[in-house]
Amino acid sequence: MASVIGVRFKNAGKLYYFDPGLYWPTAGDAVLVETVRGIEYGEVVTGVKEVSDELITPPLKKVIRIASAEDAQHDAENREKEKEALAICQKKVQEHKLQMKLVGCEYTFDNSKILFYFTSDKRVDFRALVKDLAAAFHTRIELRQIGVRDEAKMMGGLGMCGRPVCCAQFLGDFQPVSIKMAKEQNLSLNPTKISGICGRLMCCLKYEEDHYEATRKRMPRVGKEVVTPDGTGTVVDLNILKETVRVRIPKGDSTEQKDYPLEEVQRVQPARPAKKQKAEEAEPLDETDAPDAASVEEYAGEEGLTPDEALAEIEEISEEELPEEDMATAVSDGEADEETAEKQ
């Protein structure tokens, strides 16, 4: 066990642990700490607490000091200088005719390094650009290629729900999202309806996925026979959120559909040989991520595409993207930085 404080360097950024040393800052205080990028100005999110050694990445660095009013002023000046540096870098990119989109710029607190973040569809040879920037700013320059999700996190914006995007508000890390989650929640597989502003599957598909998986395991599958208070029938639909089962029950020459709470529905267990019963009772789980034919046809009709083109677009948004870490990095001396920054 070790005494640590949790420090965050940007809104919705990752939480890092530091040794408070002789200082005992509380949540909301600003502190100066040393990172692999240099001295940084951050905000204390969690006060001093005990954590297990497994949660700590050694070596645990100490807090340099609690930030003063002068430190806060210097950090504000750096934020203003970042806007000017970004404009200069954009001009240099145009001069070198590089296929890259600048996203953001960061100064370290001690002004020992300037970091520029950019996105690009391919690798970019920016060694000449780094040399020009180093000559213009007379300090260490680092260019870092990031993914589209990190771009949305840095730029911010509004999601289709009308609220600010989750990644820029409170998500510290990105969770993997797959097309299977949309299918599990009975959502449309139209890419325009389940993709965020970054063009990837929306992170909020992950929020209720655990509940859907746990509840679905307790409910009978569609097409199975069940026993209800009104007799035996066949399951035709499930409502995961309400935990109700829609059952079709024979009524003479016709049938009737009615919703029942999960507690009032019992599965029909057919008689089976004792030796084979255990193996046959285990129902295989549907692990396929492939979209069903009806969803593909619906999307093809909406967008005026052929079924093959619609299927290709649906599968494209479900593909795993490059890790949202450093994709390419260069520093002012023209060599790869051996110290990978632990924070963005």
Protein backbone atom coordinates (compact mmCIF):
# COMPACT_ATOMS: atom_id res chain seq x y z
CA MET A 1 0.00 0.00 0.00
CA ALA A 2 1.15 3.53 -0.78
CA SER A 3 -0.19 7.02 -0.17
CA VAL A 4 -0.97 8.74 -3.48
CA ILE A 5 -2.96 11.58 -5.00
CA GLY A 6 -4.78 11.48 -8.33
CA VAL A 7 -3.83 14.22 -10.79
CA ARG A 8 -5.45 15.07 -14.12
CA PHE A 9 -3.83 17.36 -16.70
CA LYS A 10 -6.79 18.10 -18.95
CA ASN A 11 -10.54 17.88 -18.84
CA ALA A 12 -11.69 14.24 -19.08
CA GLY A 13 -8.06 13.19 -19.27
CA LYS A 14 -6.54 10.09 -17.75
CA LEU A 15 -5.93 10.01 -13.99
CA TYR A 16 -2.31 9.64 -12.86
CA TYR A 17 -1.00 8.80 -9.39
CA PHE A 18 1.78 10.78 -7.69
CA ASP A 19 3.46 10.65 -4.30
CA PRO A 20 2.26 13.67 -2.24
CA GLY A 21 5.58 13.78 -0.39
CA LEU A 22 5.58 16.53 2.21
CA TYR A 23 2.45 18.09 0.72
CA TRP A 24 -1.14 17.04 1.36
CA PRO A 25 -3.15 18.72 -1.39
CA THR A 26 -6.91 18.29 -1.50
CA ALA A 27 -9.21 17.78 -4.47
CA GLY A 28 -9.37 20.95 -6.57
CA ASP A 29 -5.84 22.15 -5.76
CA ALA A 30 -3.35 22.75 -8.58
CA VAL A 31 0.08 21.12 -8.29
CA LEU A 32 3.33 20.93 -10.20
CA VAL A 33 4.59 17.41 -10.89
CA GLU A 34 7.36 15.85 -12.94
CA THR A 35 6.42 13.53 -15.83
CA VAL A 36 8.37 11.99 -18.70
CA ARG A 37 7.43 15.09 -20.72
CA GLY A 38 8.88 17.45 -18.13
CA ILE A 39 7.32 19.58 -15.40
CA GLU A 40 3.53 19.71 -15.76
CA TYR A 41 0.73 21.73 -14.22
CA GLY A 42 -2.22 19.59 -13.16
CA GLU A 43 -5.33 19.54 -11.01
CA VAL A 44 -5.76 17.22 -8.03
CA VAL A 45 -8.86 15.08 -8.56
CA THR A 46 -8.56 12.73 -5.58
CA GLY A 47 -6.94 13.67 -2.28
CA VAL A 48 -4.40 11.55 -0.42
CA LYS A 49 -5.51 7.93 -0.22
CA GLU A 50 -4.06 4.45 0.11
CA VAL A 51 -3.88 2.25 -3.01
CA SER A 52 -2.41 -1.20 -3.59
CA ASP A 53 0.99 -1.55 -5.22
CA GLU A 54 -0.57 -3.33 -8.24
CA LEU A 55 -2.30 -0.08 -9.28
CA ILE A 56 0.93 1.92 -9.29
CA THR A 57 3.37 2.16 -12.19
CA PRO A 58 6.84 2.53 -10.66
CA PRO A 59 8.68 4.73 -10.12
CA LEU A 60 6.11 6.87 -8.29
CA LYS A 61 7.22 10.47 -8.64
CA LYS A 62 6.67 13.09 -5.95
CA VAL A 63 4.76 16.34 -6.14
CA ILE A 64 7.19 19.23 -6.66
CA ARG A 65 4.96 21.79 -4.95
CA ILE A 66 1.44 23.12 -4.72
CA ALA A 67 0.94 25.66 -7.51
CA SER A 68 0.98 29.33 -6.61
CA ALA A 69 -0.83 32.26 -8.22
CA GLU A 70 2.26 32.91 -10.36
CA ASP A 71 2.22 29.31 -11.57
CA ALA A 72 -1.43 29.61 -12.53
CA GLN A 73 -0.65 32.81 -14.45
CA HIS A 74 2.23 31.12 -16.27
CA ASP A 75 -0.01 28.20 -17.25
CA ALA A 76 -2.62 30.63 -18.61
CA GLU A 77 0.08 32.36 -20.67
CA ASN A 78 1.11 28.99 -22.10
CA ARG A 79 -2.48 28.36 -23.19
CA GLU A 80 -2.43 31.65 -25.12
CA LYS A 81 0.93 30.87 -26.70
CA GLU A 82 -0.44 27.53 -27.89
CA LYS A 83 -2.90 29.33 -30.18
CA GLU A 84 -0.09 31.31 -31.81
CA ALA A 85 2.10 28.20 -32.14
CA LEU A 86 -0.72 26.29 -33.79
CA ALA A 87 -1.18 29.03 -36.39
CA ILE A 88 2.53 29.09 -37.17
CA CYS A 89 2.65 25.31 -37.49
CA GLN A 90 -0.36 25.35 -39.82
CA LYS A 91 1.44 27.82 -42.08
CA LYS A 92 4.54 25.60 -42.14
CA VAL A 93 2.43 22.54 -43.00
CA GLN A 94 0.98 24.39 -46.00
CA GLU A 95 4.45 25.45 -47.12
CA HIS A 96 5.67 21.85 -47.05
CA LYS A 97 2.41 20.64 -48.68
CA LEU A 98 1.94 17.84 -46.18
CA GLN A 99 -1.27 15.78 -46.10
CA MET A 100 -1.99 16.20 -42.40
CA LYS A 101 -4.62 17.91 -40.27
CA LEU A 102 -3.43 19.76 -37.17
CA VAL A 103 -5.67 19.11 -34.17
CA GLY A 104 -4.03 20.72 -31.16
CA CYS A 105 -0.89 22.06 -29.53
CA GLU A 106 0.51 21.80 -26.00
CA TYR A 107 3.32 23.56 -24.17
CA THR A 108 4.94 21.86 -21.21
CA PHE A 109 4.85 24.02 -18.09
CA ASP A 110 8.60 24.72 -18.18
CA ASN A 111 8.45 25.47 -21.95
CA SER A 112 11.03 22.77 -22.61
CA LYS A 113 8.90 21.11 -25.28
CA ILE A 114 6.02 21.87 -27.65
CA LEU A 115 3.76 19.04 -28.79
CA PHE A 116 1.66 19.20 -31.95
CA TYR A 117 -1.12 16.67 -32.53
CA PHE A 118 -2.35 15.82 -36.02
CA THR A 119 -4.38 13.25 -37.93
CA SER A 120 -3.63 11.74 -41.32
CA ASP A 121 -4.84 8.84 -43.41
CA LYS A 122 -1.30 7.62 -43.88
CA ARG A 123 2.23 8.01 -42.59
CA VAL A 124 3.70 11.46 -43.10
CA ASP A 125 7.38 12.33 -43.49
CA PHE A 126 7.54 15.49 -41.40
CA ARG A 127 11.25 15.62 -40.60
CA ALA A 128 11.73 18.85 -42.57
CA LEU A 129 8.72 20.36 -40.83
CA VAL A 130 10.17 19.50 -37.41
CA LYS A 131 13.43 21.24 -38.26
CA ASP A 132 11.61 24.40 -39.38
CA LEU A 133 9.51 24.46 -36.21
CA ALA A 134 12.58 23.95 -34.01
CA ALA A 135 14.26 26.91 -35.72
CA ALA A 136 11.13 29.05 -35.26
CA PHE A 137 10.47 28.27 -31.57
CA HIS A 138 14.04 27.48 -30.40
CA THR A 139 12.85 24.58 -28.26
CA ARG A 140 12.23 20.86 -28.52
CA ILE A 141 9.43 19.99 -30.95
CA GLU A 142 7.37 16.81 -31.02
CA LEU A 143 4.72 15.87 -33.60
CA ARG A 144 2.31 13.12 -32.68
CA GLN A 145 -0.16 11.37 -34.96
CA ILE A 146 -3.43 10.47 -33.23
CA GLY A 147 -6.61 8.61 -34.17
CA VAL A 148 -10.03 9.99 -35.00
CA ARG A 149 -11.40 9.25 -31.53
CA ASP A 150 -8.62 11.24 -29.88
CA GLU A 151 -9.33 14.04 -32.35
CA ALA A 152 -12.97 14.15 -31.25
CA LYS A 153 -11.86 14.11 -27.61
CA MET A 154 -9.56 17.10 -28.13
CA MET A 155 -11.86 19.11 -30.38
CA GLY A 156 -15.15 18.38 -28.59
CA GLY A 157 -18.58 18.84 -30.13
CA LEU A 158 -22.19 17.73 -29.84
CA GLY A 159 -23.36 14.17 -30.28
CA MET A 160 -26.56 13.07 -31.97
CA CYS A 161 -28.23 13.14 -28.54
CA GLY A 162 -27.72 16.92 -28.41
CA ARG A 163 -25.25 16.78 -25.51
CA PRO A 164 -21.46 17.31 -25.57
CA VAL A 165 -19.63 14.19 -26.65
CA CYS A 166 -18.87 11.81 -23.78
CA CYS A 167 -15.15 11.49 -24.60
CA ALA A 168 -14.62 15.23 -24.10
CA GLN A 169 -16.75 15.37 -20.93
CA PHE A 170 -15.92 12.45 -18.67
CA LEU A 171 -14.49 9.40 -20.47
CA GLY A 172 -10.88 8.89 -19.43
CA ASP A 173 -10.19 5.86 -21.63
CA PHE A 174 -11.85 4.52 -24.76
CA GLN A 175 -13.63 1.18 -24.45
CA PRO A 176 -13.83 -1.24 -27.41
CA VAL A 177 -17.21 -1.08 -29.17
CA SER A 178 -18.49 -3.63 -31.72
CA ILE A 179 -21.45 -3.94 -34.07
CA LYS A 180 -22.67 -6.83 -31.92
CA MET A 181 -23.59 -4.36 -29.17
CA ALA A 182 -25.98 -2.55 -31.50
CA LYS A 183 -27.57 -5.85 -32.53
CA GLU A 184 -27.88 -6.94 -28.89
CA GLN A 185 -29.81 -3.74 -28.11
CA ASN A 186 -32.07 -4.07 -31.18
CA LEU A 187 -30.76 -0.84 -32.71
CA SER A 188 -30.68 0.02 -36.39
CA LEU A 189 -27.48 -1.04 -38.11
CA ASN A 190 -27.53 2.07 -40.29
CA PRO A 191 -24.01 3.54 -39.82
CA THR A 192 -25.36 7.09 -39.77
CA LYS A 193 -27.51 6.26 -36.73
CA ILE A 194 -24.99 4.42 -34.56
CA SER A 195 -21.78 6.36 -35.37
CA GLY A 196 -20.44 9.34 -33.45
CA ILE A 197 -18.91 12.53 -34.83
CA CYS A 198 -15.59 10.68 -35.09
CA GLY A 199 -17.10 8.26 -37.59
CA ARG A 200 -16.69 5.28 -35.24
CA LEU A 201 -19.36 3.39 -33.33
CA MET A 202 -20.75 5.50 -30.48
CA CYS A 203 -19.11 4.91 -27.10
CA CYS A 204 -22.54 4.95 -25.40
CA LEU A 205 -23.34 1.57 -26.99
CA LYS A 206 -21.12 0.15 -24.26
CA TYR A 207 -23.01 1.70 -21.34
CA GLU A 208 -25.97 -0.72 -21.21
CA GLU A 209 -24.32 -3.71 -22.84
CA ASP A 210 -23.60 -5.52 -19.56
CA HIS A 211 -27.24 -5.18 -18.50
CA TYR A 212 -28.49 -6.49 -21.85
CA GLU A 213 -26.16 -9.50 -21.72
CA ALA A 214 -27.01 -10.40 -18.12
CA THR A 215 -30.76 -9.98 -18.62
CA ARG A 216 -30.87 -11.87 -21.90
CA LYS A 217 -29.26 -14.89 -20.24
CA ARG A 218 -32.19 -15.04 -17.78
CA MET A 219 -34.83 -14.76 -20.51
CA PRO A 220 -36.03 -17.47 -22.92
CA ARG A 221 -34.99 -17.23 -26.54
CA VAL A 222 -37.35 -16.15 -29.30
CA GLY A 223 -39.11 -19.19 -30.79
CA LYS A 224 -38.95 -21.28 -27.62
CA GLU A 225 -42.02 -22.67 -25.88
CA VAL A 226 -42.84 -21.28 -22.43
CA VAL A 227 -45.52 -21.73 -19.80
CA THR A 228 -47.54 -18.63 -18.83
CA PRO A 229 -50.50 -18.09 -16.47
CA ASP A 230 -52.73 -18.32 -19.57
CA GLY A 231 -51.21 -21.53 -20.91
CA THR A 232 -48.34 -22.67 -23.10
CA GLY A 233 -47.17 -20.46 -25.93
CA THR A 234 -44.24 -19.43 -28.12
CA VAL A 235 -41.92 -16.49 -27.44
CA VAL A 236 -42.14 -13.90 -30.23
CA ASP A 237 -40.34 -10.90 -28.71
CA LEU A 238 -38.29 -9.76 -25.71
CA ASN A 239 -38.17 -6.37 -23.97
CA ILE A 240 -34.84 -6.29 -22.18
CA LEU A 241 -35.34 -2.97 -20.37
CA LYS A 242 -38.82 -3.80 -19.06
CA GLU A 243 -37.87 -7.47 -18.60
CA THR A 244 -41.07 -8.66 -20.26
CA VAL A 245 -41.70 -11.51 -22.70
CA ARG A 246 -44.24 -11.37 -25.54
CA VAL A 247 -45.84 -14.77 -26.02
CA ARG A 248 -48.16 -16.05 -28.76
CA ILE A 249 -50.80 -18.32 -27.20
CA PRO A 250 -53.23 -20.48 -29.24
CA LYS A 251 -56.90 -19.51 -28.74
CA GLY A 252 -59.04 -21.99 -30.62
CA ASP A 253 -58.52 -21.48 -34.33
CA SER A 254 -56.56 -18.23 -33.79
CA THR A 255 -53.71 -16.96 -31.60
CA GLU A 256 -53.27 -14.13 -29.12
CA GLN A 257 -50.10 -12.21 -28.25
CA LYS A 258 -49.62 -10.92 -24.73
CA ASP A 259 -46.76 -9.49 -22.67
CA TYR A 260 -45.79 -11.18 -19.40
CA PRO A 261 -43.27 -10.22 -16.73
CA LEU A 262 -40.22 -12.47 -16.74
CA GLU A 263 -41.17 -13.87 -13.31
CA GLU A 264 -44.46 -15.26 -14.70
CA VAL A 265 -42.85 -17.15 -17.58
CA GLN A 266 -41.34 -20.61 -17.21
CA ARG A 267 -39.33 -22.44 -19.83
CA VAL A 268 -40.57 -25.77 -21.12
CA GLN A 269 -37.99 -28.47 -20.45
CA PRO A 270 -38.50 -31.37 -22.89
CA ALA A 271 -37.80 -34.88 -21.65
CA ARG A 272 -34.39 -36.04 -22.76
CA PRO A 273 -32.13 -39.02 -22.08
CA ALA A 274 -30.23 -38.59 -18.84
CA LYS A 275 -26.81 -38.92 -20.44
CA LYS A 276 -27.47 -36.37 -23.19
CA GLN A 277 -29.58 -33.94 -21.22
CA LYS A 278 -26.74 -31.83 -19.85
CA ALA A 279 -25.04 -31.40 -23.22
CA GLU A 280 -28.25 -30.66 -25.11
CA GLU A 281 -29.66 -28.18 -22.58
CA ALA A 282 -26.75 -25.81 -23.13
CA GLU A 283 -27.97 -23.47 -25.83
CA PRO A 284 -25.23 -22.09 -28.05
CA LEU A 285 -24.72 -18.38 -27.73
CA ASP A 286 -25.02 -16.23 -30.81
CA GLU A 287 -21.57 -14.74 -31.07
CA THR A 288 -21.74 -13.55 -34.66
CA ASP A 289 -21.12 -9.93 -35.35
CA ALA A 290 -22.45 -10.11 -38.91
CA PRO A 291 -25.50 -7.94 -39.62
CA ASP A 292 -28.69 -9.77 -40.54
CA ALA A 293 -30.09 -9.67 -44.08
CA ALA A 294 -33.16 -7.61 -43.13
CA SER A 295 -31.00 -4.81 -41.66
CA VAL A 296 -28.78 -4.79 -44.74
CA GLU A 297 -31.78 -4.54 -47.07
CA GLU A 298 -33.29 -1.74 -44.94
CA TYR A 299 -30.09 0.30 -45.06
CA ALA A 300 -29.62 -0.38 -48.80
CA GLY A 301 -33.12 0.93 -49.50
CA GLU A 302 -32.58 4.08 -47.40
CA GLU A 303 -29.27 4.97 -49.02
CA GLY A 304 -29.95 3.72 -52.56
CA LEU A 305 -27.14 1.15 -52.45
CA THR A 306 -26.84 -2.43 -53.59
CA PRO A 307 -26.94 -5.10 -50.84
CA ASP A 308 -23.19 -5.72 -51.24
CA GLU A 309 -22.37 -2.00 -50.92
CA ALA A 310 -24.63 -1.64 -47.88
CA LEU A 311 -23.02 -4.67 -46.20
CA ALA A 312 -19.54 -3.26 -46.87
CA GLU A 313 -20.42 0.10 -45.23
CA ILE A 314 -21.93 -1.58 -42.17
CA GLU A 315 -18.91 -3.80 -41.68
CA GLU A 316 -16.51 -0.88 -42.19
CA ILE A 317 -17.68 1.02 -39.10
CA SER A 318 -17.39 -2.10 -36.95
CA GLU A 319 -13.75 -2.74 -37.81
CA GLU A 320 -11.22 -2.16 -35.04
CA GLU A 321 -9.26 1.02 -35.60
CA LEU A 322 -5.64 1.70 -34.85
CA PRO A 323 -4.84 1.99 -31.13
CA GLU A 324 -5.70 5.44 -29.84
CA GLU A 325 -2.14 5.88 -28.65
CA ASP A 326 0.85 7.38 -30.40
CA MET A 327 0.74 6.29 -34.07
CA ALA A 328 3.77 8.28 -35.17
CA THR A 329 6.11 10.55 -33.28
CA ALA A 330 9.04 12.76 -34.24
CA VAL A 331 11.14 15.17 -32.19
CA SER A 332 13.26 18.14 -33.06
CA ASP A 333 16.51 16.19 -33.31
CA GLY A 334 14.99 14.05 -36.09
CA GLU A 335 15.03 10.81 -34.06
CA ALA A 336 12.20 8.90 -32.41
CA ASP A 337 11.66 9.94 -28.80
CA GLU A 338 12.64 7.00 -26.62
CA GLU A 339 10.46 8.25 -23.80
CA THR A 340 6.86 7.64 -24.83
CA ALA A 341 4.70 10.24 -23.11
CA GLU A 342 2.42 8.69 -20.52
CA LYS A 343 -0.30 11.25 -21.05
CA GLN A 344 -1.82 13.03 -23.98
